Amino acid sequence: MIKLEYVYSDNLDLLEETREFMITSRNATTNNIQMGLNYSIILTSVLILESKFERLLYAIVNYYEHIYVKYMGHIDIEEDTYIVKNYRNFLNSLFERTKSQISKNTGISHYKNMLSTLIDNYTSTQEMKKLEEGIEVLFQLRNVLAHGRAIHFDVKTYMPYPTYEIENIEVDFKGGYKKAEDYLYKQGLIDKKCIETRDFHMLFSNEISNYFVDLQNKYIDECYKSIPFVIDEYL
């Protein structure tokens, strides 16, 4: 008889407590430090989402492994049968490879693809689909923030010079900051573009960081709801 015991330790508690500390502490600081804390809150929100997503995927695999061991792993047949040994070795290897793949996932698309791999005919909830654009923007913003990328414009001003309006400036402004700017502008969370302020600190207001925290929490809750079987004891 085999007893399966799942030992899983992650940094989720540390991340959630640290984020909560930053949220409750930021108003007692200078404006620059407050924006810096919001910068970190946004980054930490992605780490929390990835940690929870990884935990969810591991739980699904552990659930399958439990079913295999309980119902199919110990059928009363000859242990020295060549096919049986290979069958069991194959499945054990499959579980290990799947867990290894989970540990290498980065980016929201990889996590979503893993759900589709693990669950036949997997379907996101309608609420998940509504939140996905914002989650993708959050991950893209994380990518530039995590590397400390500067905001970058190549501005070409057309005649008459030096008098111009924003409308007749060509801006080469792309990547995670641009995607975040477009999304936040559409959501009404900013009322100016970065080219108008020549500064991207406006992306780190309390309102914007709170928005991403709420978005992350709602999305992972919907992910749990989308699983068509109960995995609570494996989380």
Foldseek 3Di string as FASTA:
>chain_A
DDDDDDDDDDCLVVLVVVLVCLLVPLVVDDPVVSLVSLLVLLLSLVVNLLVLLLLVLLLLLVVVVVCCVVPPLCDPDDPPPPVNVVVNVVVVVVSVVLNVLSVPDDAPVRSVVNVCVSDPPQDFDPVLVVLVLVVNLSSFLSVCSVVVHDWDWDWDADPPPPDDDPVRIDTPGDTSLVSLQVVCCVVVVDVDGCVVVVDSSSCRDSVNSVVSNVSSVVNSVSVVVRDPDDRVVSD
